[in-house]
Amino acid sequence: MAVPARRTSKTRKRLRRGHIKLTTPNLSACPNCGELRASHHVCPSCGYYDGKQVVNTGKN
């Protein structure tokens, strides 16, 4: 069984794991109400998508 000759240093380990991280969701402003919403999703605040109301939220 292969055994590493040297212990992997903290720096080398962290460099290898540099791409493993949390990402922020891509949010954009709703053109109808201005609230932040996920791109290509119905606005949870006003229920509009692509200039049309598709969900009745009861707020408008």
N, C-alpha and C. Protein backbone atom coordinates (compact mmCIF):
# COMPACT_ATOMS: atom_id res chain seq x y z
N MET A 1 0.83 -1.18 0.00
CA MET A 1 0.00 0.00 0.00
C MET A 1 0.89 1.25 0.00
N ALA A 2 0.57 2.19 -0.87
CA ALA A 2 1.38 3.40 -0.98
C ALA A 2 1.12 4.32 0.20
N VAL A 3 2.20 4.83 0.76
CA VAL A 3 2.11 5.76 1.88
C VAL A 3 2.90 7.01 1.50
N PRO A 4 2.33 8.21 1.71
CA PRO A 4 3.07 9.42 1.36
C PRO A 4 4.31 9.57 2.21
N ALA A 5 5.40 9.99 1.59
CA ALA A 5 6.66 10.15 2.30
C ALA A 5 6.62 11.35 3.23
N ARG A 6 5.89 12.38 2.85
CA ARG A 6 5.79 13.60 3.66
C ARG A 6 4.32 13.96 3.89
N ARG A 7 4.10 14.59 5.00
CA ARG A 7 2.75 15.05 5.32
C ARG A 7 2.39 16.22 4.40
N THR A 8 1.13 16.26 3.95
CA THR A 8 0.68 17.37 3.11
C THR A 8 0.54 18.61 3.99
N SER A 9 1.19 19.69 3.59
CA SER A 9 1.16 20.92 4.39
C SER A 9 -0.22 21.58 4.30
N LYS A 10 -0.50 22.46 5.26
CA LYS A 10 -1.78 23.17 5.28
C LYS A 10 -1.92 24.04 4.03
N THR A 11 -0.83 24.67 3.62
CA THR A 11 -0.89 25.55 2.45
C THR A 11 -1.20 24.76 1.19
N ARG A 12 -0.52 23.63 1.00
CA ARG A 12 -0.75 22.82 -0.19
C ARG A 12 -2.17 22.27 -0.21
N LYS A 13 -2.65 21.86 0.95
CA LYS A 13 -4.02 21.35 1.05
C LYS A 13 -5.03 22.46 0.72
N ARG A 14 -4.80 23.67 1.23
CA ARG A 14 -5.72 24.77 0.98
C ARG A 14 -5.66 25.24 -0.47
N LEU A 15 -4.49 25.18 -1.08
CA LEU A 15 -4.39 25.54 -2.49
C LEU A 15 -5.19 24.57 -3.36
N ARG A 16 -5.14 23.30 -3.00
CA ARG A 16 -5.87 22.29 -3.76
C ARG A 16 -7.38 22.48 -3.61
N ARG A 17 -7.81 22.95 -2.45
CA ARG A 17 -9.24 23.12 -2.18
C ARG A 17 -9.72 24.54 -2.45
N GLY A 18 -8.98 25.31 -3.20
CA GLY A 18 -9.33 26.71 -3.44
C GLY A 18 -10.64 26.90 -4.18
N HIS A 19 -11.06 25.95 -4.99
CA HIS A 19 -12.29 26.08 -5.77
C HIS A 19 -13.51 25.58 -5.01
N ILE A 20 -13.31 24.97 -3.84
CA ILE A 20 -14.43 24.45 -3.05
C ILE A 20 -14.88 25.57 -2.13
N LYS A 21 -15.94 26.28 -2.51
CA LYS A 21 -16.41 27.41 -1.71
C LYS A 21 -17.89 27.65 -1.99
N LEU A 22 -18.49 28.42 -1.12
CA LEU A 22 -19.89 28.80 -1.31
C LEU A 22 -19.97 29.90 -2.34
N THR A 23 -21.04 29.90 -3.12
CA THR A 23 -21.24 30.95 -4.11
C THR A 23 -22.51 31.71 -3.75
N THR A 24 -22.52 32.99 -4.06
CA THR A 24 -23.69 33.79 -3.81
C THR A 24 -24.70 33.58 -4.94
N PRO A 25 -25.99 33.59 -4.64
CA PRO A 25 -26.98 33.44 -5.69
C PRO A 25 -26.98 34.66 -6.61
N ASN A 26 -27.21 34.43 -7.89
CA ASN A 26 -27.25 35.53 -8.86
C ASN A 26 -28.61 36.20 -8.77
N LEU A 27 -28.63 37.34 -8.12
CA LEU A 27 -29.87 38.08 -7.94
C LEU A 27 -29.87 39.30 -8.83
N SER A 28 -31.04 39.64 -9.34
CA SER A 28 -31.20 40.84 -10.16
C SER A 28 -32.47 41.55 -9.70
N ALA A 29 -32.55 42.83 -10.01
CA ALA A 29 -33.72 43.61 -9.60
C ALA A 29 -34.90 43.29 -10.51
N CYS A 30 -36.07 43.15 -9.91
CA CYS A 30 -37.29 42.91 -10.67
C CYS A 30 -37.65 44.20 -11.40
N PRO A 31 -37.90 44.13 -12.72
CA PRO A 31 -38.24 45.36 -13.45
C PRO A 31 -39.60 45.93 -13.06
N ASN A 32 -40.45 45.13 -12.44
CA ASN A 32 -41.79 45.60 -12.06
C ASN A 32 -41.78 46.29 -10.70
N CYS A 33 -41.21 45.64 -9.68
CA CYS A 33 -41.28 46.20 -8.32
C CYS A 33 -39.93 46.63 -7.77
N GLY A 34 -38.82 46.18 -8.37
CA GLY A 34 -37.50 46.57 -7.92
C GLY A 34 -36.89 45.68 -6.85
N GLU A 35 -37.63 44.69 -6.36
CA GLU A 35 -37.11 43.77 -5.37
C GLU A 35 -36.09 42.83 -6.01
N LEU A 36 -35.16 42.29 -5.20
CA LEU A 36 -34.19 41.34 -5.72
C LEU A 36 -34.86 39.99 -5.90
N ARG A 37 -34.55 39.35 -7.03
CA ARG A 37 -35.11 38.03 -7.32
C ARG A 37 -34.07 37.24 -8.10
N ALA A 38 -34.21 35.93 -8.14
CA ALA A 38 -33.31 35.09 -8.92
C ALA A 38 -33.60 35.27 -10.40
N SER A 39 -32.56 35.28 -11.20
CA SER A 39 -32.72 35.44 -12.64
C SER A 39 -33.55 34.30 -13.21
N HIS A 40 -34.42 34.60 -14.15
CA HIS A 40 -35.26 33.63 -14.86
C HIS A 40 -36.23 32.92 -13.91
N HIS A 41 -36.65 33.60 -12.84
CA HIS A 41 -37.64 33.08 -11.91
C HIS A 41 -38.72 34.12 -11.70
N VAL A 42 -39.90 33.66 -11.30
CA VAL A 42 -41.00 34.56 -10.98
C VAL A 42 -40.61 35.34 -9.73
N CYS A 43 -40.93 36.63 -9.72
CA CYS A 43 -40.63 37.49 -8.58
C CYS A 43 -41.51 37.05 -7.39
N PRO A 44 -40.92 36.70 -6.25
CA PRO A 44 -41.74 36.28 -5.11
C PRO A 44 -42.51 37.43 -4.48
N SER A 45 -42.09 38.65 -4.74
CA SER A 45 -42.73 39.80 -4.13
C SER A 45 -44.01 40.21 -4.88
N CYS A 46 -43.92 40.32 -6.22
CA CYS A 46 -45.07 40.82 -6.98
C CYS A 46 -45.70 39.76 -7.89
N GLY A 47 -45.02 38.65 -8.15
CA GLY A 47 -45.59 37.58 -8.97
C GLY A 47 -45.49 37.81 -10.46
N TYR A 48 -44.66 38.76 -10.89
CA TYR A 48 -44.52 39.05 -12.32
C TYR A 48 -43.32 38.29 -12.90
N TYR A 49 -43.45 37.90 -14.16
CA TYR A 49 -42.35 37.31 -14.92
C TYR A 49 -42.52 37.74 -16.38
N ASP A 50 -41.49 38.27 -16.96
CA ASP A 50 -41.48 38.69 -18.37
C ASP A 50 -42.59 39.71 -18.64
N GLY A 51 -42.83 40.61 -17.68
CA GLY A 51 -43.81 41.68 -17.87
C GLY A 51 -45.26 41.27 -17.69
N LYS A 52 -45.50 40.02 -17.32
CA LYS A 52 -46.86 39.54 -17.13
C LYS A 52 -47.02 38.98 -15.72
N GLN A 53 -48.19 39.17 -15.13
CA GLN A 53 -48.44 38.61 -13.82
C GLN A 53 -48.82 37.14 -13.97
N VAL A 54 -48.01 36.26 -13.39
CA VAL A 54 -48.25 34.82 -13.53
C VAL A 54 -48.66 34.19 -12.21
N VAL A 55 -48.41 34.88 -11.09
CA VAL A 55 -48.78 34.37 -9.76
C VAL A 55 -49.47 35.50 -9.02
N ASN A 56 -50.63 35.21 -8.45
CA ASN A 56 -51.33 36.20 -7.65
C ASN A 56 -50.83 36.10 -6.22
N THR A 57 -50.04 37.09 -5.79
CA THR A 57 -49.47 37.07 -4.44
C THR A 57 -50.35 37.74 -3.42
N GLY A 58 -51.34 38.51 -3.86
CA GLY A 58 -52.24 39.19 -2.94
C GLY A 58 -51.70 40.50 -2.43
N LYS A 59 -50.45 40.86 -2.81
CA LYS A 59 -49.87 42.12 -2.35
C LYS A 59 -50.26 43.28 -3.25
N ASN A 60 -50.58 43.02 -4.52
CA ASN A 60 -50.96 44.08 -5.46
C ASN A 60 -52.45 44.08 -5.69
